[in-house]
Amino acid sequence: AAMQMEALGNPTRLSVYRLLVRAGDSGLPVGKLQLKLDIAASTLSHHIRKLIDVGLVTQERQATTLICRANYASMNGLIGFLSQECCADAGCATTSDAEAA
């Protein structure tokens, strides 16, 4: 989780990741990401590699095009890790507890 948070701590990588999350399961070609972000291909490649290395993004070659996708299972795992002990020491009710009442 710390490595994923560190990767997302970079503003450019966070922008890349948010674009991929918004794109859904179909993902985005690297060229489209580059146009949307207006950054050099080598810079984008560096940032995508970091997101791949920490498991937040996958990449697939389709003919001559590289398609990047958010790894939703990894994203949900990170979100779960961050929220699993929410209010554990405060004794507040979770949403499911409040709905059951």
Protein backbone atom coordinates (compact mmCIF):
# COMPACT_ATOMS: atom_id res chain seq x y z
CA ALA A 1 0.00 0.00 0.00
CA ALA A 2 2.83 2.39 0.81
CA MET A 3 4.43 1.86 -2.59
CA GLN A 4 1.11 2.41 -4.36
CA MET A 5 0.46 5.58 -2.39
CA GLU A 6 3.98 6.79 -3.16
CA ALA A 7 3.38 6.21 -6.88
CA LEU A 8 0.10 8.12 -6.76
CA GLY A 9 1.79 10.93 -4.84
CA ASN A 10 3.30 12.22 -8.07
CA PRO A 11 0.84 14.65 -9.75
CA THR A 12 1.52 13.33 -13.26
CA ARG A 13 1.04 9.69 -12.24
CA LEU A 14 -2.11 10.61 -10.37
CA SER A 15 -3.44 12.29 -13.53
CA VAL A 16 -2.56 9.24 -15.63
CA TYR A 17 -4.25 6.94 -13.14
CA ARG A 18 -7.40 9.04 -12.90
CA LEU A 19 -7.72 9.09 -16.68
CA LEU A 20 -7.41 5.31 -16.77
CA VAL A 21 -9.95 4.83 -13.99
CA ARG A 22 -12.37 7.09 -15.89
CA ALA A 23 -11.76 5.14 -19.12
CA GLY A 24 -13.18 1.93 -17.67
CA ASP A 25 -12.31 -1.60 -18.70
CA SER A 26 -11.44 -0.64 -22.28
CA GLY A 27 -8.53 1.49 -21.07
CA LEU A 28 -6.70 4.05 -23.19
CA PRO A 29 -3.95 3.84 -25.78
CA VAL A 30 -0.68 5.40 -24.69
CA GLY A 31 -0.92 7.90 -27.55
CA LYS A 32 -4.29 9.15 -26.32
CA LEU A 33 -2.94 9.51 -22.79
CA GLN A 34 -0.03 11.50 -24.16
CA LEU A 35 -2.37 13.85 -26.05
CA LYS A 36 -4.65 14.35 -23.04
CA LEU A 37 -1.74 15.09 -20.71
CA ASP A 38 0.41 16.97 -23.23
CA ILE A 39 3.67 15.40 -22.04
CA ALA A 40 6.62 13.81 -23.82
CA ALA A 41 6.34 10.13 -24.70
CA SER A 42 9.44 9.25 -22.69
CA THR A 43 8.07 11.05 -19.62
CA LEU A 44 4.73 9.28 -19.94
CA SER A 45 6.44 5.93 -20.38
CA HIS A 46 8.39 6.48 -17.16
CA HIS A 47 5.22 7.27 -15.20
CA ILE A 48 3.24 4.37 -16.66
CA ARG A 49 6.10 1.98 -15.81
CA LYS A 50 5.98 3.08 -12.17
CA LEU A 51 2.20 2.51 -12.01
CA ILE A 52 2.66 -0.93 -13.60
CA ASP A 53 5.46 -1.80 -11.16
CA VAL A 54 3.19 -1.16 -8.15
CA GLY A 55 0.28 -3.07 -9.70
CA LEU A 56 -2.12 -0.17 -10.27
CA VAL A 57 -2.00 -0.35 -14.08
CA THR A 58 -1.77 -3.11 -16.66
CA GLN A 59 -0.60 -2.74 -20.22
CA GLU A 60 -1.46 -4.82 -23.27
CA ARG A 61 -0.14 -4.66 -26.80
CA GLN A 62 -2.79 -4.74 -29.54
CA ALA A 63 -0.92 -4.83 -32.86
CA THR A 64 1.18 -1.63 -32.74
CA THR A 65 -0.82 0.03 -29.95
CA LEU A 66 -0.17 -0.19 -26.22
CA ILE A 67 -3.39 -0.12 -24.21
CA CYS A 68 -3.21 0.86 -20.55
CA ARG A 69 -5.88 -0.08 -18.04
CA ALA A 70 -6.46 0.64 -14.39
CA ASN A 71 -6.16 -2.53 -12.31
CA TYR A 72 -9.46 -2.24 -10.46
CA ALA A 73 -8.80 -5.20 -8.16
CA SER A 74 -5.60 -3.53 -6.98
CA MET A 75 -7.36 -0.17 -6.63
CA ASN A 76 -10.15 -1.75 -4.57
CA GLY A 77 -7.59 -3.52 -2.41
CA LEU A 78 -5.87 -0.21 -1.69
CA ILE A 79 -9.17 1.49 -0.90
CA GLY A 80 -10.10 -1.41 1.37
CA PHE A 81 -6.76 -1.24 3.15
CA LEU A 82 -7.22 2.48 3.74
CA SER A 83 -10.77 2.16 5.03
CA GLN A 84 -10.85 -1.22 6.80
CA GLU A 85 -10.26 0.24 10.23
CA CYS A 86 -12.14 3.48 9.72
CA CYS A 87 -13.30 4.79 13.08
CA ALA A 88 -12.15 1.58 14.83
CA ASP A 89 -11.02 3.53 17.87
CA ALA A 90 -13.85 6.07 17.76
CA GLY A 91 -16.72 3.59 18.04
CA CYS A 92 -18.69 5.18 15.21
CA ALA A 93 -21.19 3.09 13.26
CA THR A 94 -20.34 1.97 9.74
CA THR A 95 -22.84 2.42 6.91
CA SER A 96 -23.93 -1.21 7.09
CA ASP A 97 -24.40 -0.93 10.88
CA ALA A 98 -26.55 2.17 10.45
CA GLU A 99 -28.64 0.50 7.72
CA ALA A 100 -29.26 -2.56 9.91
CA ALA A 101 -30.67 -0.43 12.74
